[in-house]
N, C-alpha and C. Protein backbone atom coordinates (compact mmCIF):
# COMPACT_ATOMS: atom_id res chain seq x y z
N THR A 1 -35.96 -28.29 -14.92
CA THR A 1 -37.04 -29.38 -14.85
C THR A 1 -36.31 -30.69 -15.31
N ALA A 2 -35.53 -30.72 -16.38
CA ALA A 2 -34.80 -31.92 -16.74
C ALA A 2 -33.86 -32.49 -15.64
N TRP A 3 -33.22 -31.54 -15.03
CA TRP A 3 -32.31 -31.95 -13.93
C TRP A 3 -33.16 -32.60 -12.76
N ALA A 4 -34.22 -32.02 -12.47
CA ALA A 4 -35.11 -32.46 -11.37
C ALA A 4 -35.55 -33.81 -11.69
N VAL A 5 -36.04 -34.07 -12.94
CA VAL A 5 -36.57 -35.42 -13.28
C VAL A 5 -35.41 -36.45 -13.33
N ALA A 6 -34.22 -36.00 -13.79
CA ALA A 6 -33.10 -37.05 -13.77
C ALA A 6 -32.70 -37.36 -12.35
N LEU A 7 -32.72 -36.35 -11.49
CA LEU A 7 -32.32 -36.70 -10.07
C LEU A 7 -33.34 -37.54 -9.42
N MET A 8 -34.65 -37.30 -9.59
CA MET A 8 -35.76 -38.11 -9.03
C MET A 8 -35.58 -39.59 -9.53
N ARG A 9 -35.30 -39.80 -10.77
CA ARG A 9 -35.19 -41.12 -11.39
C ARG A 9 -33.92 -41.83 -10.57
N LYS A 10 -32.97 -41.04 -10.20
CA LYS A 10 -31.76 -41.68 -9.60
C LYS A 10 -32.09 -42.09 -8.19
N ILE A 11 -32.89 -41.27 -7.51
CA ILE A 11 -33.10 -41.48 -6.03
C ILE A 11 -34.45 -42.29 -5.78
N PHE A 12 -35.25 -42.38 -6.79
CA PHE A 12 -36.59 -43.02 -6.62
C PHE A 12 -36.53 -44.42 -5.99
N LYS A 13 -37.30 -44.72 -5.05
CA LYS A 13 -37.39 -46.03 -4.49
C LYS A 13 -38.80 -46.50 -4.29
N PRO A 14 -39.27 -47.55 -4.92
CA PRO A 14 -40.65 -48.05 -4.83
C PRO A 14 -41.07 -48.20 -3.42
N GLY A 15 -42.31 -47.86 -3.01
CA GLY A 15 -42.77 -48.05 -1.68
C GLY A 15 -42.63 -46.80 -0.83
N HIS A 16 -41.90 -45.83 -1.25
CA HIS A 16 -41.65 -44.66 -0.39
C HIS A 16 -42.79 -43.59 -0.86
N ARG A 17 -43.19 -42.77 0.01
CA ARG A 17 -44.21 -41.73 -0.19
C ARG A 17 -43.48 -40.45 -0.65
N TYR A 18 -43.83 -39.92 -1.77
CA TYR A 18 -43.25 -38.70 -2.29
C TYR A 18 -44.25 -37.58 -2.32
N TRP A 19 -43.90 -36.30 -2.09
CA TRP A 19 -44.86 -35.27 -1.97
C TRP A 19 -44.58 -34.30 -3.22
N LYS A 20 -45.73 -33.69 -3.55
CA LYS A 20 -45.72 -32.78 -4.69
C LYS A 20 -44.99 -31.44 -4.20
N SER A 21 -44.19 -30.79 -4.93
CA SER A 21 -43.55 -29.52 -4.55
C SER A 21 -43.68 -28.54 -5.73
N GLY A 22 -43.34 -27.29 -5.49
CA GLY A 22 -43.35 -26.30 -6.51
C GLY A 22 -42.41 -25.19 -6.20
N VAL A 23 -42.36 -24.24 -7.12
CA VAL A 23 -41.60 -23.04 -6.94
C VAL A 23 -42.47 -21.85 -7.09
N MET A 24 -42.29 -20.83 -6.19
CA MET A 24 -43.17 -19.64 -6.14
C MET A 24 -42.43 -18.46 -6.61
N LEU A 25 -43.07 -17.70 -7.50
CA LEU A 25 -42.49 -16.43 -7.99
C LEU A 25 -43.42 -15.38 -7.38
N LEU A 26 -42.79 -14.55 -6.46
CA LEU A 26 -43.67 -13.63 -5.65
C LEU A 26 -43.50 -12.16 -6.36
N ASP A 27 -44.43 -11.34 -5.96
CA ASP A 27 -44.34 -9.92 -6.33
C ASP A 27 -44.50 -9.67 -7.87
N LEU A 28 -45.28 -10.54 -8.46
CA LEU A 28 -45.50 -10.34 -9.94
C LEU A 28 -46.49 -9.20 -10.16
N ALA A 29 -46.24 -8.35 -11.08
CA ALA A 29 -47.10 -7.21 -11.37
C ALA A 29 -47.05 -6.83 -12.87
N PRO A 30 -48.06 -6.11 -13.41
CA PRO A 30 -48.03 -5.68 -14.79
C PRO A 30 -46.88 -4.66 -14.91
N LYS A 31 -46.30 -4.50 -16.10
CA LYS A 31 -45.26 -3.52 -16.34
C LYS A 31 -45.65 -2.09 -15.91
N GLY A 32 -44.85 -1.46 -15.35
CA GLY A 32 -45.14 0.00 -14.93
C GLY A 32 -46.07 0.17 -13.81
N ALA A 33 -46.52 -0.85 -13.09
CA ALA A 33 -47.52 -0.80 -12.05
C ALA A 33 -46.82 -1.02 -10.69
N GLU A 34 -45.87 -0.11 -10.39
CA GLU A 34 -45.13 -0.29 -9.16
C GLU A 34 -44.86 1.14 -8.48
N GLN A 35 -45.11 1.14 -7.25
CA GLN A 35 -44.84 2.41 -6.48
C GLN A 35 -43.38 2.24 -5.79
N LEU A 36 -42.58 3.04 -6.17
CA LEU A 36 -41.15 3.00 -5.68
C LEU A 36 -40.95 3.90 -4.46
N ALA A 37 -40.05 3.53 -3.59
CA ALA A 37 -39.60 4.44 -2.52
C ALA A 37 -38.32 5.18 -2.96
N LEU A 38 -37.81 6.03 -2.11
CA LEU A 38 -36.64 6.87 -2.42
C LEU A 38 -35.45 6.08 -2.86
N PHE A 39 -35.15 5.01 -2.18
CA PHE A 39 -33.99 4.26 -2.40
C PHE A 39 -34.09 2.86 -3.12
N ASP A 40 -35.23 2.65 -3.85
CA ASP A 40 -35.54 1.51 -4.53
C ASP A 40 -34.65 1.32 -5.71
N THR A 41 -34.63 0.08 -6.26
CA THR A 41 -33.87 -0.11 -7.50
C THR A 41 -34.59 0.53 -8.69
N PRO A 42 -33.92 1.23 -9.61
CA PRO A 42 -34.57 1.78 -10.67
C PRO A 42 -35.41 0.81 -11.50
N PRO A 43 -36.59 1.31 -12.00
CA PRO A 43 -37.64 0.46 -12.67
C PRO A 43 -37.01 -0.39 -13.93
N ILE A 44 -36.04 0.23 -14.52
CA ILE A 44 -35.53 -0.40 -15.83
C ILE A 44 -34.79 -1.65 -15.45
N ILE A 45 -34.09 -1.70 -14.36
CA ILE A 45 -33.39 -2.93 -13.88
C ILE A 45 -34.42 -4.00 -13.45
N ILE A 46 -35.44 -3.53 -12.75
CA ILE A 46 -36.48 -4.45 -12.27
C ILE A 46 -37.16 -5.10 -13.46
N GLU A 47 -37.61 -4.27 -14.47
CA GLU A 47 -38.26 -4.74 -15.63
C GLU A 47 -37.45 -5.72 -16.39
N ASP A 48 -36.07 -5.44 -16.57
CA ASP A 48 -35.28 -6.36 -17.24
C ASP A 48 -35.24 -7.72 -16.63
N ARG A 49 -35.23 -7.79 -15.19
CA ARG A 49 -35.21 -9.07 -14.52
C ARG A 49 -36.49 -9.77 -14.72
N ARG A 50 -37.65 -9.03 -14.61
CA ARG A 50 -38.98 -9.64 -14.87
C ARG A 50 -39.11 -10.23 -16.25
N SER A 51 -38.65 -9.47 -17.19
CA SER A 51 -38.70 -9.91 -18.63
C SER A 51 -37.96 -11.22 -18.77
N ASP A 52 -36.75 -11.35 -18.15
CA ASP A 52 -35.93 -12.55 -18.14
C ASP A 52 -36.69 -13.66 -17.58
N VAL A 53 -37.36 -13.49 -16.43
CA VAL A 53 -38.19 -14.65 -15.90
C VAL A 53 -39.25 -15.08 -16.59
N MET A 54 -40.08 -14.10 -17.26
CA MET A 54 -41.12 -14.42 -18.17
C MET A 54 -40.65 -15.16 -19.46
N ARG A 55 -39.49 -14.75 -19.96
CA ARG A 55 -38.91 -15.44 -21.08
C ARG A 55 -38.61 -16.93 -20.73
N VAL A 56 -38.03 -17.21 -19.48
CA VAL A 56 -37.75 -18.51 -19.19
C VAL A 56 -39.07 -19.34 -18.99
N VAL A 57 -40.11 -18.79 -18.40
CA VAL A 57 -41.41 -19.48 -18.21
C VAL A 57 -42.02 -19.82 -19.63
N ASP A 58 -41.84 -18.79 -20.57
CA ASP A 58 -42.42 -19.07 -21.89
C ASP A 58 -41.63 -20.20 -22.56
N THR A 59 -40.32 -20.13 -22.49
CA THR A 59 -39.44 -21.19 -23.09
C THR A 59 -39.73 -22.55 -22.59
N ILE A 60 -39.96 -22.73 -21.29
CA ILE A 60 -40.34 -24.03 -20.65
C ILE A 60 -41.61 -24.41 -21.19
N ASN A 61 -42.63 -23.60 -21.20
CA ASN A 61 -43.96 -23.88 -21.65
C ASN A 61 -43.97 -24.31 -23.11
N ASP A 62 -43.07 -23.66 -23.91
CA ASP A 62 -43.00 -23.95 -25.32
C ASP A 62 -42.44 -25.42 -25.50
N LYS A 63 -41.42 -25.65 -24.71
CA LYS A 63 -40.69 -27.03 -24.80
C LYS A 63 -41.53 -28.20 -24.27
N TRP A 64 -42.10 -28.00 -23.06
CA TRP A 64 -42.82 -29.16 -22.42
C TRP A 64 -44.33 -28.99 -22.46
N GLY A 65 -44.83 -28.08 -23.10
CA GLY A 65 -46.33 -27.94 -23.17
C GLY A 65 -46.90 -26.82 -22.39
N ARG A 66 -47.98 -26.25 -22.89
CA ARG A 66 -48.65 -25.14 -22.32
C ARG A 66 -49.10 -25.56 -20.89
N GLY A 67 -48.90 -24.69 -19.85
CA GLY A 67 -49.32 -24.99 -18.53
C GLY A 67 -48.35 -25.71 -17.66
N THR A 68 -47.13 -26.04 -18.24
CA THR A 68 -46.07 -26.69 -17.47
C THR A 68 -45.75 -25.80 -16.29
N LEU A 69 -45.43 -24.60 -16.49
CA LEU A 69 -45.32 -23.50 -15.50
C LEU A 69 -46.40 -22.53 -15.64
N GLY A 70 -46.87 -22.01 -14.48
CA GLY A 70 -47.82 -20.99 -14.51
C GLY A 70 -47.83 -20.12 -13.28
N ILE A 71 -48.71 -19.08 -13.18
CA ILE A 71 -48.82 -18.31 -12.13
C ILE A 71 -49.72 -18.92 -11.05
N GLY A 72 -49.26 -19.08 -9.81
CA GLY A 72 -50.03 -19.80 -8.81
C GLY A 72 -51.42 -19.18 -8.56
N SER A 73 -51.51 -17.88 -8.62
CA SER A 73 -52.85 -17.28 -8.37
C SER A 73 -53.79 -17.44 -9.50
N ALA A 74 -53.38 -18.05 -10.66
CA ALA A 74 -54.22 -18.29 -11.76
C ALA A 74 -55.04 -19.56 -11.46
N GLY A 75 -54.72 -20.25 -10.54
CA GLY A 75 -55.57 -21.45 -10.14
C GLY A 75 -55.17 -22.75 -10.93
N LEU A 76 -55.86 -23.76 -10.62
CA LEU A 76 -55.77 -25.06 -11.40
C LEU A 76 -56.82 -25.26 -12.27
N GLN A 77 -56.52 -25.91 -13.47
CA GLN A 77 -57.54 -26.17 -14.48
C GLN A 77 -57.85 -27.67 -14.45
N GLY A 78 -59.09 -28.07 -14.51
CA GLY A 78 -59.40 -29.47 -14.61
C GLY A 78 -59.45 -30.10 -13.19
N ALA A 79 -59.65 -31.45 -13.24
CA ALA A 79 -59.78 -32.25 -11.98
C ALA A 79 -58.33 -32.43 -11.40
N ARG A 80 -58.19 -32.36 -10.05
CA ARG A 80 -56.95 -32.48 -9.40
C ARG A 80 -56.80 -33.97 -9.02
N GLY A 81 -55.59 -34.46 -9.26
CA GLY A 81 -55.33 -35.84 -8.80
C GLY A 81 -54.79 -35.97 -7.44
N TRP A 82 -54.86 -34.89 -6.72
CA TRP A 82 -54.32 -34.82 -5.38
C TRP A 82 -55.34 -34.01 -4.49
N SER A 83 -55.18 -34.12 -3.15
CA SER A 83 -55.93 -33.25 -2.30
C SER A 83 -55.07 -32.67 -1.21
N MET A 84 -55.53 -31.66 -0.58
CA MET A 84 -54.72 -31.00 0.45
C MET A 84 -54.58 -31.83 1.67
N GLN A 85 -53.43 -31.92 2.25
CA GLN A 85 -53.16 -32.64 3.47
C GLN A 85 -53.42 -31.78 4.71
N ARG A 86 -54.38 -32.17 5.51
CA ARG A 86 -54.73 -31.29 6.68
C ARG A 86 -54.30 -31.85 8.01
N ARG A 87 -53.70 -32.99 8.08
CA ARG A 87 -53.30 -33.53 9.36
C ARG A 87 -52.16 -32.85 10.03
N MET A 88 -51.43 -32.10 9.30
CA MET A 88 -50.33 -31.37 9.79
C MET A 88 -50.53 -29.82 9.87
N LEU A 89 -51.92 -29.47 9.88
CA LEU A 89 -52.35 -28.01 9.83
C LEU A 89 -51.86 -27.32 10.92
N SER A 90 -51.33 -26.15 10.78
CA SER A 90 -50.81 -25.28 11.82
C SER A 90 -52.03 -24.85 12.68
N PRO A 91 -51.76 -24.49 13.96
CA PRO A 91 -52.77 -24.04 14.94
C PRO A 91 -53.17 -22.61 14.38
N ARG A 92 -54.51 -22.32 14.85
CA ARG A 92 -55.05 -20.99 14.47
C ARG A 92 -55.00 -19.97 15.60
N TYR A 93 -54.13 -20.12 16.54
CA TYR A 93 -54.17 -19.28 17.72
C TYR A 93 -53.72 -17.74 17.44
N THR A 94 -53.27 -17.60 16.24
CA THR A 94 -52.97 -16.19 15.79
C THR A 94 -54.32 -15.46 15.32
N THR A 95 -55.28 -16.24 14.93
CA THR A 95 -56.57 -15.71 14.40
C THR A 95 -57.82 -16.10 15.14
N GLN A 96 -57.66 -17.02 16.15
CA GLN A 96 -58.80 -17.54 16.85
C GLN A 96 -58.55 -17.41 18.39
N TRP A 97 -59.18 -16.43 19.13
CA TRP A 97 -59.01 -16.27 20.43
C TRP A 97 -59.28 -17.56 21.35
N ALA A 98 -60.16 -18.43 20.92
CA ALA A 98 -60.56 -19.51 21.65
C ALA A 98 -59.37 -20.54 21.66
N GLU A 99 -58.47 -20.41 20.68
CA GLU A 99 -57.36 -21.48 20.52
C GLU A 99 -56.10 -20.88 20.98
N MET A 100 -56.12 -19.72 21.66
CA MET A 100 -54.88 -19.03 22.18
C MET A 100 -54.31 -19.96 23.34
N PRO A 101 -53.03 -20.24 23.26
CA PRO A 101 -52.45 -21.07 24.36
C PRO A 101 -52.44 -20.20 25.58
N THR A 102 -52.54 -20.79 26.76
CA THR A 102 -52.61 -20.17 28.05
C THR A 102 -51.51 -20.85 28.98
N ALA A 103 -50.98 -20.03 29.82
CA ALA A 103 -49.99 -20.59 30.75
C ALA A 103 -50.64 -20.67 32.11
N GLN A 104 -50.52 -21.83 32.83
CA GLN A 104 -51.09 -22.01 34.09
C GLN A 104 -49.99 -21.93 35.18
N ALA A 105 -50.25 -21.34 36.25
CA ALA A 105 -49.26 -21.25 37.37
C ALA A 105 -49.38 -22.51 38.26
């Protein structure tokens, strides 16, 4: 985070629009709640990696304040100072038959 802030201070130019971004941690699950296949990585190695990630998250939250990093599915607390941008919304033709593109001969 410190590096990201330092780099943004270097490249920041007044008058330019900047967008919020984030980092996603996927496949988070409670310890021991995983169904393995025949050739999966042993659970001990996976748990060690997960513990390392959680230790980093806890260290960052301890240093810069609770809630600096969190789990995306936990939602946002309080009023948001931003709103979702919908002008670049992807088409829904994979879920809406009426929006399916058609080819004309």
